[in-house]
Each structure stands twice: as structure tokens, then as C-alpha cells.
Amino acid sequence: MTDYARTAASYDLIAADYAEHFAGEIDSKPLDRSMLTAFAELVSGPVLDVGCGTGFATEILHRHGVDVSGIDLSAQMLDQSRRRLPDVRFTQGSMTSLDVPPGSLGGIVAWYSIIHTSPEDLPGVFAEFRRALAPGGHLLLAFQTAGDTLHLPEAFGRRIDLDFLRSDPADIAGLLTDADLTPHATLVREPEGERTPHAFVLARR
């Protein structure tokens, strides 16, 4: 089972360094950015960036006029998001229980946030995404694929305790289908300075 408190505590420790180190990274990766911009063109209505971290994906969507807000487990990561985007609403919360009415969202983005969720917890997460999405609403996932789980005991000179889980895009597509979400497009790109290939899956309710 996922230890969400451990994940939040680790990110609280490194939030400021993380925000500085990865600033502008999406802008340097056109394939990643293209998935977000395509999503921005597809969605209609409010969008929730689930596990928004320091707001990098949120910022891209906001630039394209999307009515986007963000949630994250880590209070310190949210502080960084608010500094980056003072006009966007950010709240502390979990992907396992979204504080939104059923069918109220035009879209959900989980940009490298399911990478800290154990495989046995993913069906419940995707069921919660479906509950929150309006009919025809879109979901965009980004995650690392191929290879074993990576455990990081240290980052930016601080002791942390984070696991990064890799997922097979076909397995993710199957779980989405089981949750009554229809996979629409999948992109897998080779590493660009990272340890593993990265995958992006677009689905809709």
C-alpha cells in the first residue's frame, strides 16, 4: 500500500530546491509540452492538476487559458506553486479522495504523480478520477516506464524516503479501461537525460 505521509514528508524537505532545479524543464521538452497543449485544446470546463507539485504542468495549462487548479499532498510544494502562480487556486489533498462533486471536472492531469502510487492502489485512484470527471472529460497521465522501482534515500543533500514506480503503458491502459475510462492516445519517448523512457496516456470518460 502507498505510504502517502512518507511521500509528503519527503517532498516537504526538498520543495524549494526541487522548484529551482526543475524550473523551465517542460519548456525544454517539446514532446512533453505537446501533450499538455493538446490536452488544453481538448478539455472544456474546470481542470484539476492532481499531484501538482510545484506547478510546472499547471503553469503550461494556465498559459493556454485552461481553468485549472491544483492539489498536492505536500504543503511545501504547494507553497512553491502559489509563488509561481498566485492567481491559481492550490489546495492540499490526495488523489484517492478528490474534494469535488461527481462529474464536475472537464479534465484531470496527473503529471508524474501516479509514480508514487503502488499498483494495488491504482484501480481505486482511477475509479476516483472517473467519479470526478464529467461525461466526455479527459484525463492525462505522465509517468516513467521500463525498469525496476527506484528508491531515493537522498536528494539535494537532504535525507528523504521516496519510491519511484515504473509502469507499463499497456498495463495502465488496461486499468483505465477497467475503471470505465477509454484510452485515446499513448506516447512513449526515450530518456532525455533521465534514467528511463517516459510515457503519456490520454483517456476520456
C-alpha atoms as a PDB file:
ATOM      1  CA  MET A   1       0.000   0.000   0.000  1.00  0.00           C
ATOM      2  CA  THR A   2       1.097   3.554  -0.663  1.00  0.00           C
ATOM      3  CA  ASP A   3       2.571   5.492   2.255  1.00  0.00           C
ATOM      4  CA  TYR A   4       1.300   8.942   1.305  1.00  0.00           C
ATOM      5  CA  ALA A   5       2.510  10.560   4.542  1.00  0.00           C
ATOM      6  CA  ARG A   6       6.082   9.454   3.792  1.00  0.00           C
ATOM      7  CA  THR A   7       5.807  10.842   0.267  1.00  0.00           C
ATOM      8  CA  ALA A   8       4.521  14.201   1.502  1.00  0.00           C
ATOM      9  CA  ALA A   9       7.185  14.482   4.184  1.00  0.00           C
ATOM     10  CA  SER A  10       9.965  13.814   1.681  1.00  0.00           C
ATOM     11  CA  TYR A  11       8.733  16.433  -0.753  1.00  0.00           C
ATOM     12  CA  ASP A  12       8.284  18.958   2.057  1.00  0.00           C
ATOM     13  CA  LEU A  13      12.021  18.667   2.711  1.00  0.00           C
ATOM     14  CA  ILE A  14      13.130  19.329  -0.858  1.00  0.00           C
ATOM     15  CA  ALA A  15      10.387  21.595  -2.230  1.00  0.00           C
ATOM     16  CA  ALA A  16      12.418  24.789  -2.663  1.00  0.00           C
ATOM     17  CA  ASP A  17      15.400  23.006  -4.221  1.00  0.00           C
ATOM     18  CA  TYR A  18      13.107  20.966  -6.464  1.00  0.00           C
ATOM     19  CA  ALA A  19      11.348  24.095  -7.734  1.00  0.00           C
ATOM     20  CA  GLU A  20      14.646  25.794  -8.556  1.00  0.00           C
ATOM     21  CA  HIS A  21      16.314  22.741 -10.107  1.00  0.00           C
ATOM     22  CA  PHE A  22      13.448  21.805 -12.432  1.00  0.00           C
ATOM     23  CA  ALA A  23      12.301  25.320 -13.363  1.00  0.00           C
ATOM     24  CA  GLY A  24      11.713  25.532 -17.114  1.00  0.00           C
ATOM     25  CA  GLU A  25      12.233  21.798 -17.709  1.00  0.00           C
ATOM     26  CA  ILE A  26       8.932  21.294 -19.534  1.00  0.00           C
ATOM     27  CA  ASP A  27       9.744  24.188 -21.843  1.00  0.00           C
ATOM     28  CA  SER A  28      12.889  22.325 -22.927  1.00  0.00           C
ATOM     29  CA  LYS A  29      10.976  19.122 -23.788  1.00  0.00           C
ATOM     30  CA  PRO A  30       8.656  19.656 -26.755  1.00  0.00           C
ATOM     31  CA  LEU A  31       7.058  16.203 -26.687  1.00  0.00           C
ATOM     32  CA  ASP A  32       6.086  16.560 -23.037  1.00  0.00           C
ATOM     33  CA  ARG A  33       4.805  20.067 -23.636  1.00  0.00           C
ATOM     34  CA  SER A  34       2.841  18.972 -26.700  1.00  0.00           C
ATOM     35  CA  MET A  35       0.826  16.514 -24.613  1.00  0.00           C
ATOM     36  CA  LEU A  36      -0.175  19.289 -22.247  1.00  0.00           C
ATOM     37  CA  THR A  37      -1.029  21.710 -25.039  1.00  0.00           C
ATOM     38  CA  ALA A  38      -3.094  19.054 -26.852  1.00  0.00           C
ATOM     39  CA  PHE A  39      -4.902  18.341 -23.590  1.00  0.00           C
ATOM     40  CA  ALA A  40      -5.548  22.073 -23.193  1.00  0.00           C
ATOM     41  CA  GLU A  41      -7.206  22.150 -26.613  1.00  0.00           C
ATOM     42  CA  LEU A  42      -9.373  19.119 -25.861  1.00  0.00           C
ATOM     43  CA  VAL A  43     -10.757  19.976 -22.435  1.00  0.00           C
ATOM     44  CA  SER A  44     -13.807  22.058 -21.662  1.00  0.00           C
ATOM     45  CA  GLY A  45     -14.572  23.149 -18.130  1.00  0.00           C
ATOM     46  CA  PRO A  46     -12.531  23.089 -14.933  1.00  0.00           C
ATOM     47  CA  VAL A  47      -9.352  21.009 -14.776  1.00  0.00           C
ATOM     48  CA  LEU A  48      -7.631  19.643 -11.696  1.00  0.00           C
ATOM     49  CA  ASP A  49      -3.869  19.052 -11.663  1.00  0.00           C
ATOM     50  CA  VAL A  50      -3.638  16.142  -9.228  1.00  0.00           C
ATOM     51  CA  GLY A  51      -0.265  15.896  -7.503  1.00  0.00           C
ATOM     52  CA  CYS A  52       0.634  19.273  -8.964  1.00  0.00           C
ATOM     53  CA  GLY A  53       3.939  19.561  -7.082  1.00  0.00           C
ATOM     54  CA  THR A  54       5.489  22.955  -7.747  1.00  0.00           C
ATOM     55  CA  GLY A  55       3.033  23.727 -10.533  1.00  0.00           C
ATOM     56  CA  PHE A  56       5.076  23.165 -13.678  1.00  0.00           C
ATOM     57  CA  ALA A  57       2.288  21.416 -15.620  1.00  0.00           C
ATOM     58  CA  THR A  58      -0.285  23.728 -14.062  1.00  0.00           C
ATOM     59  CA  GLU A  59       1.581  26.699 -15.487  1.00  0.00           C
ATOM     60  CA  ILE A  60       1.504  25.336 -19.047  1.00  0.00           C
ATOM     61  CA  LEU A  61      -2.252  24.785 -18.843  1.00  0.00           C
ATOM     62  CA  HIS A  62      -2.795  28.203 -17.271  1.00  0.00           C
ATOM     63  CA  ARG A  63      -0.836  29.817 -20.112  1.00  0.00           C
ATOM     64  CA  HIS A  64      -3.272  28.222 -22.571  1.00  0.00           C
ATOM     65  CA  GLY A  65      -6.315  29.649 -20.838  1.00  0.00           C
ATOM     66  CA  VAL A  66      -7.413  26.478 -19.038  1.00  0.00           C
ATOM     67  CA  ASP A  67      -9.489  26.930 -15.873  1.00  0.00           C
ATOM     68  CA  VAL A  68      -7.011  24.911 -13.824  1.00  0.00           C
ATOM     69  CA  SER A  69      -6.451  24.379 -10.114  1.00  0.00           C
ATOM     70  CA  GLY A  70      -4.062  22.068  -8.290  1.00  0.00           C
ATOM     71  CA  ILE A  71      -3.875  19.733  -5.332  1.00  0.00           C
ATOM     72  CA  ASP A  72      -0.893  18.052  -3.713  1.00  0.00           C
ATOM     73  CA  LEU A  73      -0.012  16.148  -0.549  1.00  0.00           C
ATOM     74  CA  SER A  74       2.963  18.382   0.259  1.00  0.00           C
ATOM     75  CA  ALA A  75       2.295  21.742   1.881  1.00  0.00           C
ATOM     76  CA  GLN A  76       5.756  22.994   0.940  1.00  0.00           C
ATOM     77  CA  MET A  77       5.361  22.041  -2.713  1.00  0.00           C
ATOM     78  CA  LEU A  78       2.058  23.912  -2.715  1.00  0.00           C
ATOM     79  CA  ASP A  79       3.792  26.987  -1.319  1.00  0.00           C
ATOM     80  CA  GLN A  80       6.126  26.892  -4.318  1.00  0.00           C
ATOM     81  CA  SER A  81       3.123  26.556  -6.659  1.00  0.00           C
ATOM     82  CA  ARG A  82       1.430  29.579  -5.122  1.00  0.00           C
ATOM     83  CA  ARG A  83       4.574  31.664  -5.575  1.00  0.00           C
ATOM     84  CA  ARG A  84       4.740  30.609  -9.214  1.00  0.00           C
ATOM     85  CA  LEU A  85       1.043  31.107  -9.946  1.00  0.00           C
ATOM     86  CA  PRO A  86      -0.588  33.445  -7.418  1.00  0.00           C
ATOM     87  CA  ASP A  87      -3.804  33.636  -9.461  1.00  0.00           C
ATOM     88  CA  VAL A  88      -4.368  29.847  -9.421  1.00  0.00           C
ATOM     89  CA  ARG A  89      -6.078  28.016  -6.563  1.00  0.00           C
ATOM     90  CA  PHE A  90      -3.965  25.321  -4.881  1.00  0.00           C
ATOM     91  CA  THR A  91      -5.156  23.130  -2.026  1.00  0.00           C
ATOM     92  CA  GLN A  92      -3.734  20.259  -0.018  1.00  0.00           C
ATOM     93  CA  GLY A  93      -5.338  16.924  -0.784  1.00  0.00           C
ATOM     94  CA  SER A  94      -4.989  13.370  -2.029  1.00  0.00           C
ATOM     95  CA  MET A  95      -5.731  11.739  -5.366  1.00  0.00           C
ATOM     96  CA  THR A  96      -7.523   8.951  -3.511  1.00  0.00           C
ATOM     97  CA  SER A  97     -10.325  11.283  -2.406  1.00  0.00           C
ATOM     98  CA  LEU A  98     -10.800  14.389  -4.530  1.00  0.00           C
ATOM     99  CA  ASP A  99     -12.774  17.151  -2.850  1.00  0.00           C
ATOM    100  CA  VAL A 100     -15.015  17.779  -5.867  1.00  0.00           C
ATOM    101  CA  PRO A 101     -18.599  16.772  -6.696  1.00  0.00           C
ATOM    102  CA  PRO A 102     -19.184  13.816  -9.022  1.00  0.00           C
ATOM    103  CA  GLY A 103     -18.945  14.690 -12.700  1.00  0.00           C
ATOM    104  CA  SER A 104     -17.733  18.228 -12.015  1.00  0.00           C
ATOM    105  CA  LEU A 105     -14.387  18.261 -13.862  1.00  0.00           C
ATOM    106  CA  GLY A 106     -13.759  18.712 -17.555  1.00  0.00           C
ATOM    107  CA  GLY A 107     -10.281  17.264 -17.131  1.00  0.00           C
ATOM    108  CA  ILE A 108      -7.727  15.786 -14.755  1.00  0.00           C
ATOM    109  CA  VAL A 109      -3.949  15.872 -15.149  1.00  0.00           C
ATOM    110  CA  ALA A 110      -1.757  13.521 -13.112  1.00  0.00           C
ATOM    111  CA  TRP A 111       1.689  14.674 -14.213  1.00  0.00           C
ATOM    112  CA  TYR A 112       4.197  12.234 -12.710  1.00  0.00           C
ATOM    113  CA  SER A 113       2.043  11.809  -9.614  1.00  0.00           C
ATOM    114  CA  ILE A 114       0.984   8.158 -10.010  1.00  0.00           C
ATOM    115  CA  ILE A 115       4.694   7.250  -9.880  1.00  0.00           C
ATOM    116  CA  HIS A 116       4.436   7.218  -6.080  1.00  0.00           C
ATOM    117  CA  THR A 117       1.253   5.098  -6.034  1.00  0.00           C
ATOM    118  CA  SER A 118       1.524   1.346  -5.510  1.00  0.00           C
ATOM    119  CA  PRO A 119      -0.011  -0.894  -8.222  1.00  0.00           C
ATOM    120  CA  GLU A 120      -2.683  -2.212  -5.864  1.00  0.00           C
ATOM    121  CA  ASP A 121      -3.864   1.346  -5.184  1.00  0.00           C
ATOM    122  CA  LEU A 122      -4.121   2.436  -8.825  1.00  0.00           C
ATOM    123  CA  PRO A 123      -7.569   0.906  -9.536  1.00  0.00           C
ATOM    124  CA  GLY A 124      -9.068   2.944  -6.697  1.00  0.00           C
ATOM    125  CA  VAL A 125      -7.305   6.100  -7.893  1.00  0.00           C
ATOM    126  CA  PHE A 126      -8.602   5.682 -11.433  1.00  0.00           C
ATOM    127  CA  ALA A 127     -12.114   4.975 -10.140  1.00  0.00           C
ATOM    128  CA  GLU A 128     -11.921   8.238  -8.201  1.00  0.00           C
ATOM    129  CA  PHE A 129     -10.791  10.072 -11.339  1.00  0.00           C
ATOM    130  CA  ARG A 130     -13.775   8.670 -13.222  1.00  0.00           C
ATOM    131  CA  ARG A 131     -16.150   9.749 -10.454  1.00  0.00           C
ATOM    132  CA  ALA A 132     -14.851  13.323 -10.643  1.00  0.00           C
ATOM    133  CA  LEU A 133     -14.847  13.623 -14.445  1.00  0.00           C
ATOM    134  CA  ALA A 134     -17.854  14.802 -16.393  1.00  0.00           C
ATOM    135  CA  PRO A 135     -19.019  12.609 -19.295  1.00  0.00           C
ATOM    136  CA  GLY A 136     -16.603  13.299 -22.145  1.00  0.00           C
ATOM    137  CA  GLY A 137     -13.994  14.652 -19.714  1.00  0.00           C
ATOM    138  CA  HIS A 138     -10.326  13.975 -20.384  1.00  0.00           C
ATOM    139  CA  LEU A 139      -7.526  12.501 -18.278  1.00  0.00           C
ATOM    140  CA  LEU A 140      -3.813  12.945 -18.964  1.00  0.00           C
ATOM    141  CA  LEU A 141      -1.234  10.775 -17.190  1.00  0.00           C
ATOM    142  CA  ALA A 142       2.549  11.131 -17.297  1.00  0.00           C
ATOM    143  CA  PHE A 143       4.802   8.503 -15.758  1.00  0.00           C
ATOM    144  CA  GLN A 144       8.096   6.687 -16.078  1.00  0.00           C
ATOM    145  CA  THR A 145       8.176   3.301 -17.774  1.00  0.00           C
ATOM    146  CA  ALA A 146      10.579   0.349 -18.014  1.00  0.00           C
ATOM    147  CA  GLY A 147      12.876  -0.789 -15.239  1.00  0.00           C
ATOM    148  CA  ASP A 148      12.528  -1.530 -11.567  1.00  0.00           C
ATOM    149  CA  THR A 149      11.276   0.719  -8.801  1.00  0.00           C
ATOM    150  CA  LEU A 150      13.811   3.389  -7.912  1.00  0.00           C
ATOM    151  CA  HIS A 151      14.303   4.193  -4.233  1.00  0.00           C
ATOM    152  CA  LEU A 152      15.831   7.571  -3.383  1.00  0.00           C
ATOM    153  CA  PRO A 153      17.153   7.946   0.181  1.00  0.00           C
ATOM    154  CA  GLU A 154      18.698  11.362  -0.515  1.00  0.00           C
ATOM    155  CA  ALA A 155      18.129  14.380  -2.770  1.00  0.00           C
ATOM    156  CA  PHE A 156      19.545  17.898  -2.767  1.00  0.00           C
ATOM    157  CA  GLY A 157      21.656  16.997   0.244  1.00  0.00           C
ATOM    158  CA  ARG A 158      18.667  16.000   2.368  1.00  0.00           C
ATOM    159  CA  ARG A 159      17.626  12.575   3.626  1.00  0.00           C
ATOM    160  CA  ILE A 160      14.336  11.512   2.055  1.00  0.00           C
ATOM    161  CA  ASP A 161      12.417   8.275   1.531  1.00  0.00           C
ATOM    162  CA  LEU A 162      10.823   8.159  -1.921  1.00  0.00           C
ATOM    163  CA  ASP A 163       9.968   5.287  -4.243  1.00  0.00           C
ATOM    164  CA  PHE A 164       9.522   5.935  -7.968  1.00  0.00           C
ATOM    165  CA  LEU A 165       7.453   3.165  -9.541  1.00  0.00           C
ATOM    166  CA  ARG A 166       7.676   2.374 -13.254  1.00  0.00           C
ATOM    167  CA  SER A 167       4.521   1.372 -15.122  1.00  0.00           C
ATOM    168  CA  ASP A 168       3.898  -0.342 -18.446  1.00  0.00           C
ATOM    169  CA  PRO A 169       1.636   1.838 -20.641  1.00  0.00           C
ATOM    170  CA  ALA A 170      -0.350  -1.249 -21.666  1.00  0.00           C
ATOM    171  CA  ASP A 171      -0.985  -2.100 -18.021  1.00  0.00           C
ATOM    172  CA  ILE A 172      -2.086   1.466 -17.315  1.00  0.00           C
ATOM    173  CA  ALA A 173      -4.416   1.387 -20.327  1.00  0.00           C
ATOM    174  CA  GLY A 174      -5.929  -1.834 -19.010  1.00  0.00           C
ATOM    175  CA  LEU A 175      -6.537  -0.343 -15.576  1.00  0.00           C
ATOM    176  CA  LEU A 176      -8.131   2.730 -17.148  1.00  0.00           C
ATOM    177  CA  THR A 177     -10.439   0.517 -19.209  1.00  0.00           C
ATOM    178  CA  ASP A 178     -11.383  -1.398 -16.061  1.00  0.00           C
ATOM    179  CA  ALA A 179     -12.294   1.948 -14.471  1.00  0.00           C
ATOM    180  CA  ASP A 180     -14.580   2.745 -17.437  1.00  0.00           C
ATOM    181  CA  LEU A 181     -12.163   5.290 -18.870  1.00  0.00           C
ATOM    182  CA  THR A 182     -11.297   4.958 -22.554  1.00  0.00           C
ATOM    183  CA  PRO A 183      -7.619   5.270 -23.565  1.00  0.00           C
ATOM    184  CA  HIS A 184      -7.361   7.625 -26.524  1.00  0.00           C
ATOM    185  CA  ALA A 185      -3.646   8.122 -27.197  1.00  0.00           C
ATOM    186  CA  THR A 186      -0.305   6.928 -25.843  1.00  0.00           C
ATOM    187  CA  LEU A 187       3.132   8.443 -26.381  1.00  0.00           C
ATOM    188  CA  VAL A 188       6.375   6.852 -25.192  1.00  0.00           C
ATOM    189  CA  ARG A 189       9.607   8.762 -25.607  1.00  0.00           C
ATOM    190  CA  GLU A 190      13.199   7.755 -24.952  1.00  0.00           C
ATOM    191  CA  PRO A 191      15.094   9.228 -21.976  1.00  0.00           C
ATOM    192  CA  GLU A 192      16.193  12.836 -22.318  1.00  0.00           C
ATOM    193  CA  GLY A 193      18.732  12.985 -19.521  1.00  0.00           C
ATOM    194  CA  GLU A 194      16.561  10.682 -17.390  1.00  0.00           C
ATOM    195  CA  ARG A 195      17.023   7.090 -16.265  1.00  0.00           C
ATOM    196  CA  THR A 196      14.080   5.548 -18.152  1.00  0.00           C
ATOM    197  CA  PRO A 197      11.684   6.166 -21.036  1.00  0.00           C
ATOM    198  CA  HIS A 198       8.658   8.293 -20.211  1.00  0.00           C
ATOM    199  CA  ALA A 199       5.056   7.591 -21.128  1.00  0.00           C
ATOM    200  CA  PHE A 200       1.989   9.779 -21.576  1.00  0.00           C
ATOM    201  CA  VAL A 201      -1.539   8.357 -21.754  1.00  0.00           C
ATOM    202  CA  LEU A 202      -4.600  10.374 -22.698  1.00  0.00           C
ATOM    203  CA  ALA A 203      -8.017   8.924 -21.842  1.00  0.00           C
ATOM    204  CA  ARG A 204     -11.587  10.132 -21.580  1.00  0.00           C
ATOM    205  CA  ARG A 205     -14.702   9.272 -19.690  1.00  0.00           C
END
